[in-house]
Amino acid sequence: MPMMRRRRPLLRAAGAAAVGTAAYSAGKSKGMAAAEQAAPEQAAPPPPSAGMSPAAVQQLKELGQLREQGILTDEEFEQQKQRILAG
């Protein structure tokens, strides 16, 4: 009777697991790369506006009217205007 070689099922399972792990890792890294590329587009903050806010414009108009009516002096107007523009 010839000597039969014993099969090693654990080695086969380990080999299959290694192949499966490699495939999983490769797919995961490709998925992560795609997610990283898409994430900056979604998370990018809107560019800062070049002009003033509508509230600031309205306040400046009101200040101008108060100066025209004589309620504010030119000096007070300039101080308040600088505060609004800084702010």
PDB file of N, CA and C in Angstrom:
ATOM      1  N   MET A   1       0.818  -1.156   0.000  1.00  0.00           N
ATOM      2  CA  MET A   1       0.000   0.000   0.000  1.00  0.00           C
ATOM      3  C   MET A   1       0.884   1.249   0.000  1.00  0.00           C
ATOM      4  N   PRO A   2       0.633   2.085  -0.989  1.00  0.00           N
ATOM      5  CA  PRO A   2       1.465   3.285  -1.044  1.00  0.00           C
ATOM      6  C   PRO A   2       1.114   4.229   0.095  1.00  0.00           C
ATOM      7  N   MET A   3       2.107   4.917   0.495  1.00  0.00           N
ATOM      8  CA  MET A   3       1.885   5.877   1.559  1.00  0.00           C
ATOM      9  C   MET A   3       1.155   7.093   1.012  1.00  0.00           C
ATOM     10  N   MET A   4       0.063   7.374   1.651  1.00  0.00           N
ATOM     11  CA  MET A   4      -0.718   8.522   1.188  1.00  0.00           C
ATOM     12  C   MET A   4      -0.262   9.779   1.922  1.00  0.00           C
ATOM     13  N   ARG A   5      -0.221  10.759   1.154  1.00  0.00           N
ATOM     14  CA  ARG A   5       0.161  12.034   1.726  1.00  0.00           C
ATOM     15  C   ARG A   5      -1.033  12.676   2.378  1.00  0.00           C
ATOM     16  N   ARG A   6      -0.829  13.190   3.493  1.00  0.00           N
ATOM     17  CA  ARG A   6      -1.921  13.795   4.235  1.00  0.00           C
ATOM     18  C   ARG A   6      -2.184  15.208   3.693  1.00  0.00           C
ATOM     19  N   ARG A   7      -3.421  15.495   3.445  1.00  0.00           N
ATOM     20  CA  ARG A   7      -3.785  16.826   2.970  1.00  0.00           C
ATOM     21  C   ARG A   7      -3.753  17.812   4.129  1.00  0.00           C
ATOM     22  N   ARG A   8      -3.451  19.003   3.816  1.00  0.00           N
ATOM     23  CA  ARG A   8      -3.364  20.026   4.852  1.00  0.00           C
ATOM     24  C   ARG A   8      -4.449  21.087   4.599  1.00  0.00           C
ATOM     25  N   PRO A   9      -5.621  20.873   5.144  1.00  0.00           N
ATOM     26  CA  PRO A   9      -6.713  21.824   4.897  1.00  0.00           C
ATOM     27  C   PRO A   9      -6.454  23.197   5.509  1.00  0.00           C
ATOM     28  N   LEU A  10      -5.690  23.231   6.574  1.00  0.00           N
ATOM     29  CA  LEU A  10      -5.424  24.528   7.194  1.00  0.00           C
ATOM     30  C   LEU A  10      -4.592  25.423   6.297  1.00  0.00           C
ATOM     31  N   LEU A  11      -3.633  24.837   5.594  1.00  0.00           N
ATOM     32  CA  LEU A  11      -2.815  25.637   4.695  1.00  0.00           C
ATOM     33  C   LEU A  11      -3.638  26.166   3.524  1.00  0.00           C
ATOM     34  N   ARG A  12      -4.545  25.339   3.044  1.00  0.00           N
ATOM     35  CA  ARG A  12      -5.418  25.802   1.955  1.00  0.00           C
ATOM     36  C   ARG A  12      -6.291  26.955   2.425  1.00  0.00           C
ATOM     37  N   ALA A  13      -6.829  26.814   3.610  1.00  0.00           N
ATOM     38  CA  ALA A  13      -7.686  27.874   4.142  1.00  0.00           C
ATOM     39  C   ALA A  13      -6.881  29.145   4.366  1.00  0.00           C
ATOM     40  N   ALA A  14      -5.645  28.988   4.832  1.00  0.00           N
ATOM     41  CA  ALA A  14      -4.803  30.157   5.061  1.00  0.00           C
ATOM     42  C   ALA A  14      -4.474  30.845   3.738  1.00  0.00           C
ATOM     43  N   GLY A  15      -4.220  30.036   2.714  1.00  0.00           N
ATOM     44  CA  GLY A  15      -3.929  30.617   1.400  1.00  0.00           C
ATOM     45  C   GLY A  15      -5.130  31.351   0.842  1.00  0.00           C
ATOM     46  N   ALA A  16      -6.305  30.756   0.982  1.00  0.00           N
ATOM     47  CA  ALA A  16      -7.528  31.401   0.501  1.00  0.00           C
ATOM     48  C   ALA A  16      -7.801  32.673   1.299  1.00  0.00           C
ATOM     49  N   ALA A  17      -7.524  32.621   2.588  1.00  0.00           N
ATOM     50  CA  ALA A  17      -7.739  33.806   3.417  1.00  0.00           C
ATOM     51  C   ALA A  17      -6.788  34.924   3.015  1.00  0.00           C
ATOM     52  N   ALA A  18      -5.549  34.569   2.678  1.00  0.00           N
ATOM     53  CA  ALA A  18      -4.582  35.577   2.263  1.00  0.00           C
ATOM     54  C   ALA A  18      -5.022  36.243   0.960  1.00  0.00           C
ATOM     55  N   VAL A  19      -5.512  35.437   0.028  1.00  0.00           N
ATOM     56  CA  VAL A  19      -5.991  35.984  -1.242  1.00  0.00           C
ATOM     57  C   VAL A  19      -7.198  36.884  -0.992  1.00  0.00           C
ATOM     58  N   GLY A  20      -8.109  36.414  -0.150  1.00  0.00           N
ATOM     59  CA  GLY A  20      -9.294  37.204   0.155  1.00  0.00           C
ATOM     60  C   GLY A  20      -8.943  38.502   0.861  1.00  0.00           C
ATOM     61  N   THR A  21      -7.983  38.440   1.771  1.00  0.00           N
ATOM     62  CA  THR A  21      -7.567  39.648   2.486  1.00  0.00           C
ATOM     63  C   THR A  21      -6.921  40.637   1.540  1.00  0.00           C
ATOM     64  N   ALA A  22      -6.094  40.148   0.638  1.00  0.00           N
ATOM     65  CA  ALA A  22      -5.436  41.035  -0.322  1.00  0.00           C
ATOM     66  C   ALA A  22      -6.472  41.709  -1.225  1.00  0.00           C
ATOM     67  N   ALA A  23      -7.455  40.950  -1.685  1.00  0.00           N
ATOM     68  CA  ALA A  23      -8.489  41.513  -2.546  1.00  0.00           C
ATOM     69  C   ALA A  23      -9.322  42.546  -1.780  1.00  0.00           C
ATOM     70  N   TYR A  24      -9.635  42.233  -0.532  1.00  0.00           N
ATOM     71  CA  TYR A  24     -10.415  43.146   0.290  1.00  0.00           C
ATOM     72  C   TYR A  24      -9.647  44.448   0.506  1.00  0.00           C
ATOM     73  N   SER A  25      -8.365  44.318   0.826  1.00  0.00           N
ATOM     74  CA  SER A  25      -7.548  45.496   1.084  1.00  0.00           C
ATOM     75  C   SER A  25      -7.423  46.359  -0.165  1.00  0.00           C
ATOM     76  N   ALA A  26      -7.234  45.721  -1.307  1.00  0.00           N
ATOM     77  CA  ALA A  26      -7.108  46.471  -2.554  1.00  0.00           C
ATOM     78  C   ALA A  26      -8.400  47.220  -2.861  1.00  0.00           C
ATOM     79  N   GLY A  27      -9.523  46.554  -2.692  1.00  0.00           N
ATOM     80  CA  GLY A  27     -10.804  47.210  -2.941  1.00  0.00           C
ATOM     81  C   GLY A  27     -11.066  48.325  -1.958  1.00  0.00           C
ATOM     82  N   LYS A  28     -10.692  48.099  -0.718  1.00  0.00           N
ATOM     83  CA  LYS A  28     -10.906  49.110   0.311  1.00  0.00           C
ATOM     84  C   LYS A  28     -10.053  50.340   0.039  1.00  0.00           C
ATOM     85  N   SER A  29      -8.796  50.148  -0.362  1.00  0.00           N
ATOM     86  CA  SER A  29      -7.930  51.295  -0.620  1.00  0.00           C
ATOM     87  C   SER A  29      -8.419  52.082  -1.824  1.00  0.00           C
ATOM     88  N   LYS A  30      -8.948  51.386  -2.835  1.00  0.00           N
ATOM     89  CA  LYS A  30      -9.499  52.103  -3.987  1.00  0.00           C
ATOM     90  C   LYS A  30     -10.745  52.877  -3.582  1.00  0.00           C
ATOM     91  N   GLY A  31     -11.551  52.289  -2.728  1.00  0.00           N
ATOM     92  CA  GLY A  31     -12.750  52.972  -2.249  1.00  0.00           C
ATOM     93  C   GLY A  31     -12.402  54.174  -1.401  1.00  0.00           C
ATOM     94  N   MET A  32     -11.360  54.038  -0.577  1.00  0.00           N
ATOM     95  CA  MET A  32     -10.926  55.158   0.257  1.00  0.00           C
ATOM     96  C   MET A  32     -10.384  56.281  -0.616  1.00  0.00           C
ATOM     97  N   ALA A  33      -9.640  55.940  -1.657  1.00  0.00           N
ATOM     98  CA  ALA A  33      -9.088  56.950  -2.546  1.00  0.00           C
ATOM     99  C   ALA A  33     -10.215  57.705  -3.242  1.00  0.00           C
ATOM    100  N   ALA A  34     -11.238  56.990  -3.666  1.00  0.00           N
ATOM    101  CA  ALA A  34     -12.372  57.642  -4.316  1.00  0.00           C
ATOM    102  C   ALA A  34     -13.121  58.528  -3.332  1.00  0.00           C
ATOM    103  N   ALA A  35     -13.260  58.073  -2.099  1.00  0.00           N
ATOM    104  CA  ALA A  35     -13.952  58.879  -1.089  1.00  0.00           C
ATOM    105  C   ALA A  35     -13.145  60.116  -0.733  1.00  0.00           C
ATOM    106  N   GLU A  36     -11.815  59.998  -0.683  1.00  0.00           N
ATOM    107  CA  GLU A  36     -10.985  61.153  -0.379  1.00  0.00           C
ATOM    108  C   GLU A  36     -11.033  62.176  -1.498  1.00  0.00           C
ATOM    109  N   GLN A  37     -11.149  61.710  -2.729  1.00  0.00           N
ATOM    110  CA  GLN A  37     -11.241  62.645  -3.843  1.00  0.00           C
ATOM    111  C   GLN A  37     -12.585  63.362  -3.836  1.00  0.00           C
ATOM    112  N   ALA A  38     -13.646  62.679  -3.465  1.00  0.00           N
ATOM    113  CA  ALA A  38     -14.975  63.279  -3.466  1.00  0.00           C
ATOM    114  C   ALA A  38     -15.178  64.163  -2.247  1.00  0.00           C
ATOM    115  N   ALA A  39     -14.557  63.829  -1.129  1.00  0.00           N
ATOM    116  CA  ALA A  39     -14.774  64.570   0.111  1.00  0.00           C
ATOM    117  C   ALA A  39     -14.343  66.028   0.019  1.00  0.00           C
ATOM    118  N   PRO A  40     -13.177  66.371  -0.547  1.00  0.00           N
ATOM    119  CA  PRO A  40     -12.813  67.787  -0.603  1.00  0.00           C
ATOM    120  C   PRO A  40     -13.794  68.631  -1.415  1.00  0.00           C
ATOM    121  N   GLU A  41     -14.386  68.034  -2.435  1.00  0.00           N
ATOM    122  CA  GLU A  41     -15.359  68.785  -3.227  1.00  0.00           C
ATOM    123  C   GLU A  41     -16.590  69.120  -2.395  1.00  0.00           C
ATOM    124  N   GLN A  42     -17.019  68.183  -1.558  1.00  0.00           N
ATOM    125  CA  GLN A  42     -18.211  68.409  -0.756  1.00  0.00           C
ATOM    126  C   GLN A  42     -17.912  69.293   0.435  1.00  0.00           C
ATOM    127  N   ALA A  43     -16.720  69.172   1.024  1.00  0.00           N
ATOM    128  CA  ALA A  43     -16.395  69.873   2.251  1.00  0.00           C
ATOM    129  C   ALA A  43     -15.778  71.246   1.998  1.00  0.00           C
ATOM    130  N   ALA A  44     -15.556  71.622   0.761  1.00  0.00           N
ATOM    131  CA  ALA A  44     -14.931  72.905   0.476  1.00  0.00           C
ATOM    132  C   ALA A  44     -15.851  74.040   0.926  1.00  0.00           C
ATOM    133  N   PRO A  45     -15.327  74.971   1.725  1.00  0.00           N
ATOM    134  CA  PRO A  45     -16.156  76.084   2.169  1.00  0.00           C
ATOM    135  C   PRO A  45     -16.420  77.041   1.017  1.00  0.00           C
ATOM    136  N   PRO A  46     -17.531  77.735   1.052  1.00  0.00           N
ATOM    137  CA  PRO A  46     -17.813  78.683  -0.016  1.00  0.00           C
ATOM    138  C   PRO A  46     -16.791  79.807   0.010  1.00  0.00           C
ATOM    139  N   PRO A  47     -16.450  80.358  -1.135  1.00  0.00           N
ATOM    140  CA  PRO A  47     -15.465  81.444  -1.160  1.00  0.00           C
ATOM    141  C   PRO A  47     -16.015  82.665  -0.435  1.00  0.00           C
ATOM    142  N   PRO A  48     -15.143  83.432   0.205  1.00  0.00           N
ATOM    143  CA  PRO A  48     -15.627  84.620   0.912  1.00  0.00           C
ATOM    144  C   PRO A  48     -16.209  85.622  -0.072  1.00  0.00           C
ATOM    145  N   SER A  49     -17.245  86.294   0.350  1.00  0.00           N
ATOM    146  CA  SER A  49     -17.888  87.253  -0.541  1.00  0.00           C
ATOM    147  C   SER A  49     -16.997  88.481  -0.686  1.00  0.00           C
ATOM    148  N   ALA A  50     -17.018  89.036  -1.868  1.00  0.00           N
ATOM    149  CA  ALA A  50     -16.157  90.175  -2.156  1.00  0.00           C
ATOM    150  C   ALA A  50     -16.753  91.470  -1.614  1.00  0.00           C
ATOM    151  N   GLY A  51     -18.056  91.523  -1.434  1.00  0.00           N
ATOM    152  CA  GLY A  51     -18.692  92.748  -0.998  1.00  0.00           C
ATOM    153  C   GLY A  51     -19.116  92.705   0.456  1.00  0.00           C
ATOM    154  N   MET A  52     -19.813  93.747   0.841  1.00  0.00           N
ATOM    155  CA  MET A  52     -20.313  93.841   2.213  1.00  0.00           C
ATOM    156  C   MET A  52     -21.651  93.122   2.321  1.00  0.00           C
ATOM    157  N   SER A  53     -21.999  92.796   3.544  1.00  0.00           N
ATOM    158  CA  SER A  53     -23.281  92.149   3.771  1.00  0.00           C
ATOM    159  C   SER A  53     -24.404  93.176   3.592  1.00  0.00           C
ATOM    160  N   PRO A  54     -25.589  92.722   3.269  1.00  0.00           N
ATOM    161  CA  PRO A  54     -26.722  93.647   3.116  1.00  0.00           C
ATOM    162  C   PRO A  54     -27.014  94.432   4.398  1.00  0.00           C
ATOM    163  N   ALA A  55     -26.774  93.814   5.555  1.00  0.00           N
ATOM    164  CA  ALA A  55     -27.011  94.512   6.818  1.00  0.00           C
ATOM    165  C   ALA A  55     -26.045  95.678   6.977  1.00  0.00           C
ATOM    166  N   ALA A  56     -24.787  95.481   6.579  1.00  0.00           N
ATOM    167  CA  ALA A  56     -23.795  96.554   6.683  1.00  0.00           C
ATOM    168  C   ALA A  56     -24.134  97.697   5.741  1.00  0.00           C
ATOM    169  N   VAL A  57     -24.588  97.368   4.555  1.00  0.00           N
ATOM    170  CA  VAL A  57     -24.975  98.407   3.595  1.00  0.00           C
ATOM    171  C   VAL A  57     -26.139  99.226   4.150  1.00  0.00           C
ATOM    172  N   GLN A  58     -27.111  98.548   4.734  1.00  0.00           N
ATOM    173  CA  GLN A  58     -28.267  99.238   5.311  1.00  0.00           C
ATOM    174  C   GLN A  58     -27.840 100.159   6.455  1.00  0.00           C
ATOM    175  N   GLN A  59     -26.925  99.700   7.306  1.00  0.00           N
ATOM    176  CA  GLN A  59     -26.454 100.532   8.412  1.00  0.00           C
ATOM    177  C   GLN A  59     -25.728 101.772   7.899  1.00  0.00           C
ATOM    178  N   LEU A  60     -24.947 101.613   6.843  1.00  0.00           N
ATOM    179  CA  LEU A  60     -24.242 102.765   6.278  1.00  0.00           C
ATOM    180  C   LEU A  60     -25.222 103.771   5.678  1.00  0.00           C
ATOM    181  N   LYS A  61     -26.281 103.278   5.055  1.00  0.00           N
ATOM    182  CA  LYS A  61     -27.302 104.189   4.510  1.00  0.00           C
ATOM    183  C   LYS A  61     -27.976 104.977   5.630  1.00  0.00           C
ATOM    184  N   GLU A  62     -28.283 104.280   6.715  1.00  0.00           N
ATOM    185  CA  GLU A  62     -28.919 104.948   7.852  1.00  0.00           C
ATOM    186  C   GLU A  62     -27.989 105.989   8.466  1.00  0.00           C
ATOM    187  N   LEU A  63     -26.705 105.652   8.562  1.00  0.00           N
ATOM    188  CA  LEU A  63     -25.734 106.611   9.082  1.00  0.00           C
ATOM    189  C   LEU A  63     -25.661 107.844   8.185  1.00  0.00           C
ATOM    190  N   GLY A  64     -25.677 107.619   6.877  1.00  0.00           N
ATOM    191  CA  GLY A  64     -25.646 108.747   5.938  1.00  0.00           C
ATOM    192  C   GLY A  64     -26.861 109.644   6.099  1.00  0.00           C
ATOM    193  N   GLN A  65     -28.019 109.049   6.306  1.00  0.00           N
ATOM    194  CA  GLN A  65     -29.232 109.843   6.510  1.00  0.00           C
ATOM    195  C   GLN A  65     -29.158 110.642   7.805  1.00  0.00           C
ATOM    196  N   LEU A  66     -28.625 110.022   8.857  1.00  0.00           N
ATOM    197  CA  LEU A  66     -28.493 110.736  10.130  1.00  0.00           C
ATOM    198  C   LEU A  66     -27.519 111.899  10.006  1.00  0.00           C
ATOM    199  N   ARG A  67     -26.471 111.738   9.227  1.00  0.00           N
ATOM    200  CA  ARG A  67     -25.513 112.835   9.019  1.00  0.00           C
ATOM    201  C   ARG A  67     -26.164 113.953   8.221  1.00  0.00           C
ATOM    202  N   GLU A  68     -26.941 113.602   7.174  1.00  0.00           N
ATOM    203  CA  GLU A  68     -27.623 114.609   6.357  1.00  0.00           C
ATOM    204  C   GLU A  68     -28.637 115.392   7.181  1.00  0.00           C
ATOM    205  N   GLN A  69     -29.272 114.722   8.136  1.00  0.00           N
ATOM    206  CA  GLN A  69     -30.274 115.380   8.977  1.00  0.00           C
ATOM    207  C   GLN A  69     -29.620 116.221  10.079  1.00  0.00           C
ATOM    208  N   GLY A  70     -28.309 116.104  10.231  1.00  0.00           N
ATOM    209  CA  GLY A  70     -27.609 116.881  11.244  1.00  0.00           C
ATOM    210  C   GLY A  70     -27.588 116.206  12.604  1.00  0.00           C
ATOM    211  N   ILE A  71     -28.051 114.995  12.716  1.00  0.00           N
ATOM    212  CA  ILE A  71     -28.070 114.279  13.991  1.00  0.00           C
ATOM    213  C   ILE A  71     -26.653 113.824  14.350  1.00  0.00           C
ATOM    214  N   LEU A  72     -25.879 113.397  13.335  1.00  0.00           N
ATOM    215  CA  LEU A  72     -24.491 112.991  13.552  1.00  0.00           C
ATOM    216  C   LEU A  72     -23.552 114.021  12.948  1.00  0.00           C
ATOM    217  N   THR A  73     -22.456 114.275  13.637  1.00  0.00           N
ATOM    218  CA  THR A  73     -21.419 115.135  13.063  1.00  0.00           C
ATOM    219  C   THR A  73     -20.601 114.302  12.084  1.00  0.00           C
ATOM    220  N   ASP A  74     -19.777 114.976  11.282  1.00  0.00           N
ATOM    221  CA  ASP A  74     -18.924 114.262  10.341  1.00  0.00           C
ATOM    222  C   ASP A  74     -17.960 113.325  11.080  1.00  0.00           C
ATOM    223  N   GLU A  75     -17.473 113.767  12.210  1.00  0.00           N
ATOM    224  CA  GLU A  75     -16.549 112.955  13.003  1.00  0.00           C
ATOM    225  C   GLU A  75     -17.249 111.695  13.537  1.00  0.00           C
ATOM    226  N   GLU A  76     -18.463 111.850  14.066  1.00  0.00           N
ATOM    227  CA  GLU A  76     -19.222 110.699  14.580  1.00  0.00           C
ATOM    228  C   GLU A  76     -19.565 109.734  13.448  1.00  0.00           C
ATOM    229  N   PHE A  77     -19.907 110.306  12.289  1.00  0.00           N
ATOM    230  CA  PHE A  77     -20.225 109.480  11.126  1.00  0.00           C
ATOM    231  C   PHE A  77     -19.025 108.624  10.735  1.00  0.00           C
ATOM    232  N   GLU A  78     -17.834 109.237  10.663  1.00  0.00           N
ATOM    233  CA  GLU A  78     -16.635 108.496  10.280  1.00  0.00           C
ATOM    234  C   GLU A  78     -16.304 107.394  11.282  1.00  0.00           C
ATOM    235  N   GLN A  79     -16.474 107.673  12.571  1.00  0.00           N
ATOM    236  CA  GLN A  79     -16.201 106.663  13.588  1.00  0.00           C
ATOM    237  C   GLN A  79     -17.127 105.457  13.437  1.00  0.00           C
ATOM    238  N   GLN A  80     -18.408 105.746  13.268  1.00  0.00           N
ATOM    239  CA  GLN A  80     -19.381 104.656  13.130  1.00  0.00           C
ATOM    240  C   GLN A  80     -19.179 103.888  11.815  1.00  0.00           C
ATOM    241  N   LYS A  81     -18.826 104.616  10.772  1.00  0.00           N
ATOM    242  CA  LYS A  81     -18.591 103.970   9.488  1.00  0.00           C
ATOM    243  C   LYS A  81     -17.399 103.005   9.584  1.00  0.00           C
ATOM    244  N   GLN A  82     -16.325 103.433  10.231  1.00  0.00           N
ATOM    245  CA  GLN A  82     -15.163 102.564  10.401  1.00  0.00           C
ATOM    246  C   GLN A  82     -15.504 101.330  11.241  1.00  0.00           C
ATOM    247  N   ARG A  83     -16.353 101.517  12.257  1.00  0.00           N
ATOM    248  CA  ARG A  83     -16.755 100.396  13.092  1.00  0.00           C
ATOM    249  C   ARG A  83     -17.533  99.365  12.259  1.00  0.00           C
ATOM    250  N   ILE A  84     -18.424  99.832  11.413  1.00  0.00           N
ATOM    251  CA  ILE A  84     -19.231  98.931  10.563  1.00  0.00           C
ATOM    252  C   ILE A  84     -18.348  98.219   9.546  1.00  0.00           C
ATOM    253  N   LEU A  85     -17.443  98.959   8.916  1.00  0.00           N
ATOM    254  CA  LEU A  85     -16.586  98.364   7.899  1.00  0.00           C
ATOM    255  C   LEU A  85     -15.592  97.366   8.492  1.00  0.00           C
ATOM    256  N   ALA A  86     -15.182  97.599   9.726  1.00  0.00           N
ATOM    257  CA  ALA A  86     -14.246  96.673  10.380  1.00  0.00           C
ATOM    258  C   ALA A  86     -14.941  95.393  10.806  1.00  0.00           C
ATOM    259  N   GLY A  87     -16.210  95.492  11.024  1.00  0.00           N
ATOM    260  CA  GLY A  87     -16.871  94.474  11.562  1.00  0.00           C
ATOM    261  C   GLY A  87     -17.571  93.336  11.545  1.00  0.00           C
TER     262      GLY A  87
END
